[in-house]
């Protein structure tokens, strides 16, 4: 096995049926060595089934799965060079932290000083050096998750699998632990496949995001590409708060399109635009809401104060819009007439 293939993952025309239901119709996907790829999508989209097939916990109905260039499609989980971090941590409550981390090594036949050295190294990697004697119940949720990561890493797998690893943590702790996981992955250079339904989490940790819908890949690419260039209404709505509205492409010139939406004329990247009717993705934070008269008017339907920003549902001639205002001091009252404008960065034509 060459260093170029070690850690690479490939799904080749993989299908997964559960009785008469096809969860994954036809999946072809390659993950490069050292890449962190996030499988993102709503419940039932197939992301967890995909991860479980890679882990050996489900067997494909058809197609092949390769890890490091080796066909592992029919291999059991314990013969695949992968480690998995579960949503529930799956720590043994009666064992110390060190014993939890050592469990997989000892099950694989490692003994004595080699185990102690590997455990110490693993705990140091995740910032838990000196805590090996503690029980899981004596640790915070974030520390328990890091123990689970250390237990997976000491096995030195080709691929680390993470299944909703932060879902049991509160919002502040999720931000900190996701940063720690990303920094560790970049420092050690291991291949990782990360499953989540949280768009912000996916944007923060990924080299590439694979958005799944009904068992298929709806779109994949770097986080910024998916956020700024959604390929469909589904992607625009799922990756961040977005409004998809009708517009008219009135002109095309040097990669830019002139579009009319409501009473506004905007310049946006042309992508694959043609003249005539089209659809425009408008991010909620790209809408400027002001009182007074203007070319594009609306009326406040609902308003909410959320501390660092205001949220509005606005009735307009092109349909309801959801807007986020990070600069307003106090919410406008329902029924207030407002004039709307769009910031260019939050706009994208949808093919």
C-alpha atoms as a PDB file:
ATOM      1  CA  UNK A   1       0.000   0.000   0.000  1.00  0.00           C
ATOM      2  CA  UNK A   2       1.503   3.361  -0.976  1.00  0.00           C
ATOM      3  CA  UNK A   3       1.345   6.544   1.063  1.00  0.00           C
ATOM      4  CA  UNK A   4      -0.793   7.966  -1.748  1.00  0.00           C
ATOM      5  CA  UNK A   5      -3.580   5.428  -1.108  1.00  0.00           C
ATOM      6  CA  UNK A   6      -3.317   4.961   2.670  1.00  0.00           C
ATOM      7  CA  UNK A   7      -6.318   6.672   4.215  1.00  0.00           C
ATOM      8  CA  UNK A   8      -8.186   7.065   0.930  1.00  0.00           C
ATOM      9  CA  UNK A   9     -11.845   6.003   0.893  1.00  0.00           C
ATOM     10  CA  UNK A  10     -13.902   5.132  -2.171  1.00  0.00           C
ATOM     11  CA  UNK A  11     -17.553   4.235  -2.610  1.00  0.00           C
ATOM     12  CA  UNK A  12     -18.130   2.722  -6.051  1.00  0.00           C
ATOM     13  CA  UNK A  13     -21.768   2.540  -7.163  1.00  0.00           C
ATOM     14  CA  UNK A  14     -22.871   1.504  -3.682  1.00  0.00           C
ATOM     15  CA  UNK A  15     -26.518   0.643  -3.071  1.00  0.00           C
ATOM     16  CA  UNK A  16     -28.144  -0.200   0.245  1.00  0.00           C
ATOM     17  CA  UNK A  17     -31.603  -1.744   0.512  1.00  0.00           C
ATOM     18  CA  UNK A  18     -33.588  -2.410   3.669  1.00  0.00           C
ATOM     19  CA  UNK A  19     -36.190  -4.852   2.422  1.00  0.00           C
ATOM     20  CA  UNK A  20     -38.198  -3.086  -0.272  1.00  0.00           C
ATOM     21  CA  UNK A  21     -36.821   0.343   0.755  1.00  0.00           C
ATOM     22  CA  UNK A  22     -33.701   1.651  -0.967  1.00  0.00           C
ATOM     23  CA  UNK A  23     -31.843   3.938   1.428  1.00  0.00           C
ATOM     24  CA  UNK A  24     -28.827   4.546  -0.847  1.00  0.00           C
ATOM     25  CA  UNK A  25     -29.661   4.154  -4.568  1.00  0.00           C
ATOM     26  CA  UNK A  26     -26.227   4.664  -6.170  1.00  0.00           C
ATOM     27  CA  UNK A  27     -23.369   6.288  -4.274  1.00  0.00           C
ATOM     28  CA  UNK A  28     -20.002   7.036  -5.865  1.00  0.00           C
ATOM     29  CA  UNK A  29     -17.684   9.119  -3.701  1.00  0.00           C
ATOM     30  CA  UNK A  30     -13.920   9.417  -3.124  1.00  0.00           C
ATOM     31  CA  UNK A  31     -12.284  10.836  -0.002  1.00  0.00           C
ATOM     32  CA  UNK A  32      -8.619  11.722  -0.266  1.00  0.00           C
ATOM     33  CA  UNK A  33      -5.959  10.837   2.336  1.00  0.00           C
ATOM     34  CA  UNK A  34      -5.802  13.487   5.070  1.00  0.00           C
ATOM     35  CA  UNK A  35      -9.140  15.012   4.082  1.00  0.00           C
ATOM     36  CA  UNK A  36     -11.956  15.737   6.533  1.00  0.00           C
ATOM     37  CA  UNK A  37     -15.238  15.202   4.708  1.00  0.00           C
ATOM     38  CA  UNK A  38     -18.571  15.893   6.349  1.00  0.00           C
ATOM     39  CA  UNK A  39     -21.727  14.055   5.346  1.00  0.00           C
ATOM     40  CA  UNK A  40     -24.491  16.577   5.952  1.00  0.00           C
ATOM     41  CA  UNK A  41     -28.233  16.375   5.577  1.00  0.00           C
ATOM     42  CA  UNK A  42     -31.584  16.094   7.329  1.00  0.00           C
ATOM     43  CA  UNK A  43     -32.761  12.993   9.173  1.00  0.00           C
ATOM     44  CA  UNK A  44     -33.326  10.084   6.802  1.00  0.00           C
ATOM     45  CA  UNK A  45     -31.069  11.402   4.029  1.00  0.00           C
ATOM     46  CA  UNK A  46     -28.684   8.399   4.178  1.00  0.00           C
ATOM     47  CA  UNK A  47     -25.630   9.948   5.847  1.00  0.00           C
ATOM     48  CA  UNK A  48     -25.568   7.621   8.862  1.00  0.00           C
ATOM     49  CA  UNK A  49     -26.228   4.555   6.692  1.00  0.00           C
ATOM     50  CA  UNK A  50     -23.252   5.591   4.537  1.00  0.00           C
ATOM     51  CA  UNK A  51     -21.024   5.912   7.615  1.00  0.00           C
ATOM     52  CA  UNK A  52     -22.191   2.559   8.995  1.00  0.00           C
ATOM     53  CA  UNK A  53     -21.374   0.835   5.695  1.00  0.00           C
ATOM     54  CA  UNK A  54     -17.884   2.331   5.821  1.00  0.00           C
ATOM     55  CA  UNK A  55     -17.493   1.151   9.416  1.00  0.00           C
ATOM     56  CA  UNK A  56     -18.622  -2.382   8.548  1.00  0.00           C
ATOM     57  CA  UNK A  57     -21.792  -2.135  10.639  1.00  0.00           C
ATOM     58  CA  UNK A  58     -23.972  -2.443   7.516  1.00  0.00           C
ATOM     59  CA  UNK A  59     -23.259  -4.419   4.338  1.00  0.00           C
ATOM     60  CA  UNK A  60     -23.950  -2.843   0.926  1.00  0.00           C
ATOM     61  CA  UNK A  61     -26.526  -4.540  -1.259  1.00  0.00           C
ATOM     62  CA  UNK A  62     -24.383  -3.763  -4.309  1.00  0.00           C
ATOM     63  CA  UNK A  63     -21.190  -1.919  -5.206  1.00  0.00           C
ATOM     64  CA  UNK A  64     -17.770  -1.731  -3.537  1.00  0.00           C
ATOM     65  CA  UNK A  65     -16.157   0.145  -0.656  1.00  0.00           C
ATOM     66  CA  UNK A  66     -12.384   0.587  -0.630  1.00  0.00           C
ATOM     67  CA  UNK A  67     -10.128   1.807   2.182  1.00  0.00           C
ATOM     68  CA  UNK A  68      -6.518   2.483   1.317  1.00  0.00           C
ATOM     69  CA  UNK A  69      -7.050   0.780  -2.018  1.00  0.00           C
ATOM     70  CA  UNK A  70      -8.277  -2.469  -0.409  1.00  0.00           C
ATOM     71  CA  UNK A  71     -11.770  -3.797  -1.085  1.00  0.00           C
ATOM     72  CA  UNK A  72     -13.395  -4.042   2.365  1.00  0.00           C
ATOM     73  CA  UNK A  73     -16.997  -4.414   1.189  1.00  0.00           C
ATOM     74  CA  UNK A  74     -17.497  -7.825   2.814  1.00  0.00           C
ATOM     75  CA  UNK A  75     -15.015  -7.490   5.678  1.00  0.00           C
ATOM     76  CA  UNK A  76     -16.417  -7.379   9.230  1.00  0.00           C
ATOM     77  CA  UNK A  77     -15.969  -4.242  11.312  1.00  0.00           C
ATOM     78  CA  UNK A  78     -13.072  -5.644  13.356  1.00  0.00           C
ATOM     79  CA  UNK A  79     -11.007  -6.296  10.227  1.00  0.00           C
ATOM     80  CA  UNK A  80     -11.256  -2.777   8.833  1.00  0.00           C
ATOM     81  CA  UNK A  81      -8.600  -0.207   9.606  1.00  0.00           C
ATOM     82  CA  UNK A  82     -11.078   2.374  10.918  1.00  0.00           C
ATOM     83  CA  UNK A  83     -12.084   3.707  14.343  1.00  0.00           C
ATOM     84  CA  UNK A  84     -15.429   5.231  15.220  1.00  0.00           C
ATOM     85  CA  UNK A  85     -16.403   7.964  17.666  1.00  0.00           C
ATOM     86  CA  UNK A  86     -20.056   7.567  18.609  1.00  0.00           C
ATOM     87  CA  UNK A  87     -22.647  10.180  19.483  1.00  0.00           C
ATOM     88  CA  UNK A  88     -23.092   8.626  22.950  1.00  0.00           C
ATOM     89  CA  UNK A  89     -19.283   8.399  23.605  1.00  0.00           C
ATOM     90  CA  UNK A  90     -19.790   4.685  24.547  1.00  0.00           C
ATOM     91  CA  UNK A  91     -17.340   4.872  27.458  1.00  0.00           C
ATOM     92  CA  UNK A  92     -17.300   2.110  30.070  1.00  0.00           C
ATOM     93  CA  UNK A  93     -18.466   3.849  33.275  1.00  0.00           C
ATOM     94  CA  UNK A  94     -16.722   1.382  35.628  1.00  0.00           C
ATOM     95  CA  UNK A  95     -13.348   1.793  33.899  1.00  0.00           C
ATOM     96  CA  UNK A  96     -10.909   4.655  34.359  1.00  0.00           C
ATOM     97  CA  UNK A  97     -10.096   7.007  31.511  1.00  0.00           C
ATOM     98  CA  UNK A  98      -6.831   5.155  30.881  1.00  0.00           C
ATOM     99  CA  UNK A  99      -8.589   1.787  30.863  1.00  0.00           C
ATOM    100  CA  UNK A 100     -11.168   3.070  28.393  1.00  0.00           C
ATOM    101  CA  UNK A 101      -8.455   4.311  26.049  1.00  0.00           C
ATOM    102  CA  UNK A 102      -6.484   1.068  26.442  1.00  0.00           C
ATOM    103  CA  UNK A 103      -9.447  -1.219  25.780  1.00  0.00           C
ATOM    104  CA  UNK A 104      -9.104  -1.441  21.998  1.00  0.00           C
ATOM    105  CA  UNK A 105      -5.330  -1.834  22.170  1.00  0.00           C
ATOM    106  CA  UNK A 106      -5.544  -4.698  24.666  1.00  0.00           C
ATOM    107  CA  UNK A 107      -8.328  -6.364  22.683  1.00  0.00           C
ATOM    108  CA  UNK A 108      -5.971  -6.304  19.717  1.00  0.00           C
ATOM    109  CA  UNK A 109      -3.211  -8.070  21.655  1.00  0.00           C
ATOM    110  CA  UNK A 110      -0.976  -5.180  22.766  1.00  0.00           C
ATOM    111  CA  UNK A 111       0.434  -5.594  26.274  1.00  0.00           C
ATOM    112  CA  UNK A 112       2.255  -3.916  29.132  1.00  0.00           C
ATOM    113  CA  UNK A 113       4.418  -0.883  28.615  1.00  0.00           C
ATOM    114  CA  UNK A 114       3.437  -0.474  24.980  1.00  0.00           C
ATOM    115  CA  UNK A 115      -0.193   0.006  26.050  1.00  0.00           C
ATOM    116  CA  UNK A 116       0.749   2.498  28.781  1.00  0.00           C
ATOM    117  CA  UNK A 117       2.878   4.520  26.371  1.00  0.00           C
ATOM    118  CA  UNK A 118       0.159   4.585  23.714  1.00  0.00           C
ATOM    119  CA  UNK A 119      -2.506   5.615  26.244  1.00  0.00           C
ATOM    120  CA  UNK A 120      -0.331   8.394  27.630  1.00  0.00           C
ATOM    121  CA  UNK A 121       0.394   9.665  24.119  1.00  0.00           C
ATOM    122  CA  UNK A 122      -3.291   9.518  23.188  1.00  0.00           C
ATOM    123  CA  UNK A 123      -4.434  11.451  26.244  1.00  0.00           C
ATOM    124  CA  UNK A 124      -1.727  14.067  25.685  1.00  0.00           C
ATOM    125  CA  UNK A 125      -2.918  14.501  22.099  1.00  0.00           C
ATOM    126  CA  UNK A 126      -6.424  15.449  23.232  1.00  0.00           C
ATOM    127  CA  UNK A 127      -5.295  17.605  26.149  1.00  0.00           C
ATOM    128  CA  UNK A 128      -6.146  15.125  28.925  1.00  0.00           C
ATOM    129  CA  UNK A 129      -2.657  14.216  30.087  1.00  0.00           C
ATOM    130  CA  UNK A 130      -2.612  13.300  33.801  1.00  0.00           C
ATOM    131  CA  UNK A 131      -6.333  12.438  33.893  1.00  0.00           C
ATOM    132  CA  UNK A 132      -5.995   8.709  33.199  1.00  0.00           C
ATOM    133  CA  UNK A 133      -6.971   7.632  36.724  1.00  0.00           C
ATOM    134  CA  UNK A 134     -10.319   9.448  36.683  1.00  0.00           C
ATOM    135  CA  UNK A 135     -13.651   7.809  35.970  1.00  0.00           C
ATOM    136  CA  UNK A 136     -15.800   9.102  33.063  1.00  0.00           C
ATOM    137  CA  UNK A 137     -18.353  10.404  35.606  1.00  0.00           C
ATOM    138  CA  UNK A 138     -15.674  12.736  36.972  1.00  0.00           C
ATOM    139  CA  UNK A 139     -15.238  14.457  33.589  1.00  0.00           C
ATOM    140  CA  UNK A 140     -17.274  17.082  31.769  1.00  0.00           C
ATOM    141  CA  UNK A 141     -19.166  16.169  28.596  1.00  0.00           C
ATOM    142  CA  UNK A 142     -16.443  17.734  26.460  1.00  0.00           C
ATOM    143  CA  UNK A 143     -13.721  15.811  28.265  1.00  0.00           C
ATOM    144  CA  UNK A 144     -15.640  12.552  27.858  1.00  0.00           C
ATOM    145  CA  UNK A 145     -15.880  13.202  24.130  1.00  0.00           C
ATOM    146  CA  UNK A 146     -12.128  13.755  23.987  1.00  0.00           C
ATOM    147  CA  UNK A 147     -11.588  10.422  25.743  1.00  0.00           C
ATOM    148  CA  UNK A 148     -13.665   8.788  23.012  1.00  0.00           C
ATOM    149  CA  UNK A 149     -11.504  10.507  20.368  1.00  0.00           C
ATOM    150  CA  UNK A 150      -8.296   9.401  22.136  1.00  0.00           C
ATOM    151  CA  UNK A 151      -9.552   5.808  22.327  1.00  0.00           C
ATOM    152  CA  UNK A 152     -10.114   5.878  18.562  1.00  0.00           C
ATOM    153  CA  UNK A 153      -6.819   7.585  17.708  1.00  0.00           C
ATOM    154  CA  UNK A 154      -4.524   5.255  19.676  1.00  0.00           C
ATOM    155  CA  UNK A 155      -5.531   2.459  17.299  1.00  0.00           C
ATOM    156  CA  UNK A 156      -3.843   4.501  14.538  1.00  0.00           C
ATOM    157  CA  UNK A 157      -6.628   3.857  12.018  1.00  0.00           C
ATOM    158  CA  UNK A 158      -6.446   4.797   8.383  1.00  0.00           C
ATOM    159  CA  UNK A 159      -9.790   6.560   8.779  1.00  0.00           C
ATOM    160  CA  UNK A 160     -11.501   8.119  11.795  1.00  0.00           C
ATOM    161  CA  UNK A 161     -15.308   8.066  11.685  1.00  0.00           C
ATOM    162  CA  UNK A 162     -17.313  10.537  13.761  1.00  0.00           C
ATOM    163  CA  UNK A 163     -21.073  10.030  14.098  1.00  0.00           C
ATOM    164  CA  UNK A 164     -22.794  13.202  15.381  1.00  0.00           C
ATOM    165  CA  UNK A 165     -19.939  13.536  17.897  1.00  0.00           C
ATOM    166  CA  UNK A 166     -21.072  16.846  19.416  1.00  0.00           C
ATOM    167  CA  UNK A 167     -24.843  16.450  19.583  1.00  0.00           C
ATOM    168  CA  UNK A 168     -24.876  15.757  23.340  1.00  0.00           C
ATOM    169  CA  UNK A 169     -22.951  18.938  24.195  1.00  0.00           C
ATOM    170  CA  UNK A 170     -24.312  22.418  24.873  1.00  0.00           C
ATOM    171  CA  UNK A 171     -23.783  25.153  22.273  1.00  0.00           C
ATOM    172  CA  UNK A 172     -20.667  26.725  23.814  1.00  0.00           C
ATOM    173  CA  UNK A 173     -18.992  23.375  24.410  1.00  0.00           C
ATOM    174  CA  UNK A 174     -19.828  22.240  20.862  1.00  0.00           C
ATOM    175  CA  UNK A 175     -17.910  25.215  19.459  1.00  0.00           C
ATOM    176  CA  UNK A 176     -14.855  24.470  21.579  1.00  0.00           C
ATOM    177  CA  UNK A 177     -14.757  20.715  20.969  1.00  0.00           C
ATOM    178  CA  UNK A 178     -15.317  21.010  17.211  1.00  0.00           C
ATOM    179  CA  UNK A 179     -12.353  23.411  17.077  1.00  0.00           C
ATOM    180  CA  UNK A 180     -10.242  20.912  19.027  1.00  0.00           C
ATOM    181  CA  UNK A 181     -11.211  18.046  16.704  1.00  0.00           C
ATOM    182  CA  UNK A 182     -10.398  20.102  13.614  1.00  0.00           C
ATOM    183  CA  UNK A 183      -7.035  21.273  14.976  1.00  0.00           C
ATOM    184  CA  UNK A 184      -6.117  17.705  15.930  1.00  0.00           C
ATOM    185  CA  UNK A 185      -7.082  16.363  12.500  1.00  0.00           C
ATOM    186  CA  UNK A 186      -5.029  19.013  10.721  1.00  0.00           C
ATOM    187  CA  UNK A 187      -2.034  18.508  13.005  1.00  0.00           C
ATOM    188  CA  UNK A 188      -1.979  14.707  12.678  1.00  0.00           C
ATOM    189  CA  UNK A 189      -3.186  14.596   9.066  1.00  0.00           C
ATOM    190  CA  UNK A 190      -5.531  11.637   9.432  1.00  0.00           C
ATOM    191  CA  UNK A 191      -8.483  11.028   7.128  1.00  0.00           C
ATOM    192  CA  UNK A 192     -11.845  11.710   8.782  1.00  0.00           C
ATOM    193  CA  UNK A 193     -15.470  11.194   7.814  1.00  0.00           C
ATOM    194  CA  UNK A 194     -17.784  13.281   9.958  1.00  0.00           C
ATOM    195  CA  UNK A 195     -21.578  12.959  10.089  1.00  0.00           C
ATOM    196  CA  UNK A 196     -23.801  15.793  11.298  1.00  0.00           C
ATOM    197  CA  UNK A 197     -27.125  17.474  10.611  1.00  0.00           C
ATOM    198  CA  UNK A 198     -25.757  20.800  11.942  1.00  0.00           C
ATOM    199  CA  UNK A 199     -24.876  23.149   9.077  1.00  0.00           C
ATOM    200  CA  UNK A 200     -22.733  25.471  11.204  1.00  0.00           C
ATOM    201  CA  UNK A 201     -20.728  22.529  12.513  1.00  0.00           C
ATOM    202  CA  UNK A 202     -20.141  21.259   8.968  1.00  0.00           C
ATOM    203  CA  UNK A 203     -19.022  24.680   7.741  1.00  0.00           C
ATOM    204  CA  UNK A 204     -16.580  25.006  10.660  1.00  0.00           C
ATOM    205  CA  UNK A 205     -14.740  21.669  10.474  1.00  0.00           C
ATOM    206  CA  UNK A 206     -14.766  20.462   6.873  1.00  0.00           C
ATOM    207  CA  UNK A 207     -12.379  20.422   3.962  1.00  0.00           C
ATOM    208  CA  UNK A 208     -15.353  19.289   1.896  1.00  0.00           C
ATOM    209  CA  UNK A 209     -19.058  18.942   2.604  1.00  0.00           C
ATOM    210  CA  UNK A 210     -21.186  16.276   0.944  1.00  0.00           C
ATOM    211  CA  UNK A 211     -24.854  17.222   1.236  1.00  0.00           C
ATOM    212  CA  UNK A 212     -27.157  14.230   0.965  1.00  0.00           C
ATOM    213  CA  UNK A 213     -30.834  14.156   0.011  1.00  0.00           C
ATOM    214  CA  UNK A 214     -32.906  10.980  -0.288  1.00  0.00           C
ATOM    215  CA  UNK A 215     -29.770   8.808  -0.321  1.00  0.00           C
ATOM    216  CA  UNK A 216     -28.064  10.743  -3.098  1.00  0.00           C
ATOM    217  CA  UNK A 217     -25.411  13.444  -3.212  1.00  0.00           C
ATOM    218  CA  UNK A 218     -27.261  16.715  -3.779  1.00  0.00           C
ATOM    219  CA  UNK A 219     -24.049  18.797  -3.930  1.00  0.00           C
ATOM    220  CA  UNK A 220     -20.480  18.567  -2.674  1.00  0.00           C
ATOM    221  CA  UNK A 221     -17.609  21.004  -2.395  1.00  0.00           C
ATOM    222  CA  UNK A 222     -15.665  23.253  -0.015  1.00  0.00           C
ATOM    223  CA  UNK A 223     -17.805  24.964   2.642  1.00  0.00           C
ATOM    224  CA  UNK A 224     -17.612  28.419   1.063  1.00  0.00           C
ATOM    225  CA  UNK A 225     -18.615  27.089  -2.357  1.00  0.00           C
ATOM    226  CA  UNK A 226     -21.725  25.394  -0.991  1.00  0.00           C
ATOM    227  CA  UNK A 227     -22.712  28.449   1.022  1.00  0.00           C
ATOM    228  CA  UNK A 228     -22.155  31.005  -1.723  1.00  0.00           C
ATOM    229  CA  UNK A 229     -23.038  28.897  -4.790  1.00  0.00           C
ATOM    230  CA  UNK A 230     -25.958  26.598  -3.895  1.00  0.00           C
ATOM    231  CA  UNK A 231     -26.950  24.363  -6.793  1.00  0.00           C
ATOM    232  CA  UNK A 232     -30.604  23.972  -5.823  1.00  0.00           C
ATOM    233  CA  UNK A 233     -33.395  25.321  -3.641  1.00  0.00           C
ATOM    234  CA  UNK A 234     -32.706  22.471  -1.202  1.00  0.00           C
ATOM    235  CA  UNK A 235     -29.020  23.397  -0.796  1.00  0.00           C
ATOM    236  CA  UNK A 236     -29.758  27.115  -0.501  1.00  0.00           C
ATOM    237  CA  UNK A 237     -32.303  26.473   2.231  1.00  0.00           C
ATOM    238  CA  UNK A 238     -30.297  23.806   4.069  1.00  0.00           C
ATOM    239  CA  UNK A 239     -26.875  25.508   4.146  1.00  0.00           C
ATOM    240  CA  UNK A 240     -27.709  28.593   6.171  1.00  0.00           C
ATOM    241  CA  UNK A 241     -30.890  30.653   6.245  1.00  0.00           C
ATOM    242  CA  UNK A 242     -31.916  31.536   2.701  1.00  0.00           C
ATOM    243  CA  UNK A 243     -34.899  32.807   0.741  1.00  0.00           C
ATOM    244  CA  UNK A 244     -35.365  31.541  -2.808  1.00  0.00           C
ATOM    245  CA  UNK A 245     -37.271  34.146  -4.820  1.00  0.00           C
ATOM    246  CA  UNK A 246     -38.251  34.636  -8.469  1.00  0.00           C
ATOM    247  CA  UNK A 247     -36.182  37.079 -10.502  1.00  0.00           C
ATOM    248  CA  UNK A 248     -35.490  38.049 -14.100  1.00  0.00           C
ATOM    249  CA  UNK A 249     -32.035  37.960 -15.687  1.00  0.00           C
ATOM    250  CA  UNK A 250     -31.955  41.127 -17.807  1.00  0.00           C
ATOM    251  CA  UNK A 251     -28.321  41.136 -18.909  1.00  0.00           C
ATOM    252  CA  UNK A 252     -25.124  39.076 -19.049  1.00  0.00           C
ATOM    253  CA  UNK A 253     -21.626  40.513 -19.281  1.00  0.00           C
ATOM    254  CA  UNK A 254     -18.153  39.202 -18.388  1.00  0.00           C
ATOM    255  CA  UNK A 255     -19.290  36.659 -15.833  1.00  0.00           C
ATOM    256  CA  UNK A 256     -21.878  38.923 -14.215  1.00  0.00           C
ATOM    257  CA  UNK A 257     -25.643  38.858 -14.503  1.00  0.00           C
ATOM    258  CA  UNK A 258     -27.984  41.801 -14.096  1.00  0.00           C
ATOM    259  CA  UNK A 259     -31.094  40.581 -12.316  1.00  0.00           C
ATOM    260  CA  UNK A 260     -34.325  42.285 -11.346  1.00  0.00           C
ATOM    261  CA  UNK A 261     -36.058  41.135  -8.175  1.00  0.00           C
ATOM    262  CA  UNK A 262     -38.976  43.026  -6.749  1.00  0.00           C
ATOM    263  CA  UNK A 263     -38.151  46.634  -7.609  1.00  0.00           C
ATOM    264  CA  UNK A 264     -34.390  46.131  -7.262  1.00  0.00           C
ATOM    265  CA  UNK A 265     -31.718  45.630  -9.919  1.00  0.00           C
ATOM    266  CA  UNK A 266     -28.659  43.674  -8.728  1.00  0.00           C
ATOM    267  CA  UNK A 267     -25.366  42.429 -10.151  1.00  0.00           C
ATOM    268  CA  UNK A 268     -24.580  38.804  -9.245  1.00  0.00           C
ATOM    269  CA  UNK A 269     -22.174  36.126 -10.544  1.00  0.00           C
ATOM    270  CA  UNK A 270     -23.626  34.746 -13.767  1.00  0.00           C
ATOM    271  CA  UNK A 271     -22.806  31.044 -13.172  1.00  0.00           C
ATOM    272  CA  UNK A 272     -24.938  29.254 -15.813  1.00  0.00           C
ATOM    273  CA  UNK A 273     -27.509  32.004 -16.184  1.00  0.00           C
ATOM    274  CA  UNK A 274     -29.514  32.677 -19.331  1.00  0.00           C
ATOM    275  CA  UNK A 275     -31.715  35.647 -20.067  1.00  0.00           C
ATOM    276  CA  UNK A 276     -35.231  35.450 -18.723  1.00  0.00           C
ATOM    277  CA  UNK A 277     -36.980  34.125 -15.590  1.00  0.00           C
ATOM    278  CA  UNK A 278     -34.753  32.599 -12.909  1.00  0.00           C
ATOM    279  CA  UNK A 279     -34.515  32.019  -9.176  1.00  0.00           C
ATOM    280  CA  UNK A 280     -32.309  33.888  -6.748  1.00  0.00           C
ATOM    281  CA  UNK A 281     -31.052  32.704  -3.366  1.00  0.00           C
ATOM    282  CA  UNK A 282     -31.060  35.598  -0.896  1.00  0.00           C
ATOM    283  CA  UNK A 283     -29.399  34.960   2.449  1.00  0.00           C
ATOM    284  CA  UNK A 284     -31.349  36.189   5.456  1.00  0.00           C
ATOM    285  CA  UNK A 285     -28.396  38.294   6.617  1.00  0.00           C
ATOM    286  CA  UNK A 286     -28.070  39.891   3.155  1.00  0.00           C
ATOM    287  CA  UNK A 287     -31.385  41.723   3.486  1.00  0.00           C
ATOM    288  CA  UNK A 288     -31.252  45.302   4.770  1.00  0.00           C
ATOM    289  CA  UNK A 289     -34.469  46.425   6.457  1.00  0.00           C
ATOM    290  CA  UNK A 290     -35.201  50.159   6.827  1.00  0.00           C
ATOM    291  CA  UNK A 291     -38.233  52.312   7.400  1.00  0.00           C
ATOM    292  CA  UNK A 292     -39.261  54.735   4.680  1.00  0.00           C
ATOM    293  CA  UNK A 293     -40.019  54.535   0.960  1.00  0.00           C
ATOM    294  CA  UNK A 294     -37.983  52.766  -1.697  1.00  0.00           C
ATOM    295  CA  UNK A 295     -38.162  50.672  -4.873  1.00  0.00           C
ATOM    296  CA  UNK A 296     -38.816  47.413  -3.000  1.00  0.00           C
ATOM    297  CA  UNK A 297     -41.353  47.647  -0.195  1.00  0.00           C
ATOM    298  CA  UNK A 298     -42.570  45.178   2.378  1.00  0.00           C
ATOM    299  CA  UNK A 299     -44.457  45.000   5.650  1.00  0.00           C
ATOM    300  CA  UNK A 300     -43.260  43.482   8.914  1.00  0.00           C
ATOM    301  CA  UNK A 301     -45.310  40.354   9.682  1.00  0.00           C
ATOM    302  CA  UNK A 302     -43.428  39.203  12.802  1.00  0.00           C
ATOM    303  CA  UNK A 303     -40.358  40.411  14.654  1.00  0.00           C
ATOM    304  CA  UNK A 304     -38.146  38.925  17.356  1.00  0.00           C
ATOM    305  CA  UNK A 305     -35.293  40.221  19.512  1.00  0.00           C
ATOM    306  CA  UNK A 306     -32.522  37.609  19.972  1.00  0.00           C
ATOM    307  CA  UNK A 307     -29.885  39.631  21.805  1.00  0.00           C
ATOM    308  CA  UNK A 308     -27.184  40.082  19.163  1.00  0.00           C
ATOM    309  CA  UNK A 309     -29.611  40.268  16.234  1.00  0.00           C
ATOM    310  CA  UNK A 310     -33.213  40.845  15.206  1.00  0.00           C
ATOM    311  CA  UNK A 311     -35.283  38.462  13.083  1.00  0.00           C
ATOM    312  CA  UNK A 312     -38.130  39.465  10.791  1.00  0.00           C
ATOM    313  CA  UNK A 313     -40.752  37.769   8.681  1.00  0.00           C
ATOM    314  CA  UNK A 314     -41.628  40.296   5.981  1.00  0.00           C
ATOM    315  CA  UNK A 315     -44.566  40.259   3.571  1.00  0.00           C
ATOM    316  CA  UNK A 316     -43.600  41.400   0.046  1.00  0.00           C
ATOM    317  CA  UNK A 317     -45.014  41.345  -3.468  1.00  0.00           C
ATOM    318  CA  UNK A 318     -42.710  38.407  -4.343  1.00  0.00           C
ATOM    319  CA  UNK A 319     -43.655  36.382  -1.278  1.00  0.00           C
ATOM    320  CA  UNK A 320     -42.596  36.214   2.388  1.00  0.00           C
ATOM    321  CA  UNK A 321     -38.945  36.901   3.243  1.00  0.00           C
ATOM    322  CA  UNK A 322     -36.992  35.977   6.352  1.00  0.00           C
ATOM    323  CA  UNK A 323     -34.403  38.588   7.344  1.00  0.00           C
ATOM    324  CA  UNK A 324     -31.749  38.786  10.045  1.00  0.00           C
ATOM    325  CA  UNK A 325     -30.638  42.253  11.175  1.00  0.00           C
ATOM    326  CA  UNK A 326     -27.431  42.329  13.217  1.00  0.00           C
ATOM    327  CA  UNK A 327     -27.333  46.153  13.434  1.00  0.00           C
ATOM    328  CA  UNK A 328     -30.803  47.176  14.613  1.00  0.00           C
ATOM    329  CA  UNK A 329     -31.315  48.271  18.224  1.00  0.00           C
ATOM    330  CA  UNK A 330     -34.999  47.441  18.693  1.00  0.00           C
ATOM    331  CA  UNK A 331     -37.369  45.332  16.595  1.00  0.00           C
ATOM    332  CA  UNK A 332     -39.865  47.047  14.328  1.00  0.00           C
ATOM    333  CA  UNK A 333     -43.491  46.387  15.175  1.00  0.00           C
ATOM    334  CA  UNK A 334     -45.664  44.078  13.063  1.00  0.00           C
ATOM    335  CA  UNK A 335     -47.460  46.071  10.388  1.00  0.00           C
ATOM    336  CA  UNK A 336     -44.598  48.551   9.918  1.00  0.00           C
ATOM    337  CA  UNK A 337     -43.950  49.343   6.220  1.00  0.00           C
ATOM    338  CA  UNK A 338     -40.265  48.921   5.315  1.00  0.00           C
ATOM    339  CA  UNK A 339     -38.007  49.312   2.314  1.00  0.00           C
ATOM    340  CA  UNK A 340     -35.681  46.433   1.502  1.00  0.00           C
ATOM    341  CA  UNK A 341     -32.319  46.189  -0.214  1.00  0.00           C
ATOM    342  CA  UNK A 342     -29.856  43.349  -0.740  1.00  0.00           C
ATOM    343  CA  UNK A 343     -26.145  43.086  -0.006  1.00  0.00           C
ATOM    344  CA  UNK A 344     -24.402  41.586  -3.070  1.00  0.00           C
ATOM    345  CA  UNK A 345     -22.393  38.918  -1.202  1.00  0.00           C
ATOM    346  CA  UNK A 346     -25.461  37.023  -0.016  1.00  0.00           C
ATOM    347  CA  UNK A 347     -26.997  36.577  -3.482  1.00  0.00           C
ATOM    348  CA  UNK A 348     -26.645  33.603  -5.831  1.00  0.00           C
ATOM    349  CA  UNK A 349     -28.481  32.517  -8.944  1.00  0.00           C
ATOM    350  CA  UNK A 350     -29.716  28.950  -8.734  1.00  0.00           C
ATOM    351  CA  UNK A 351     -29.321  26.797 -11.818  1.00  0.00           C
END
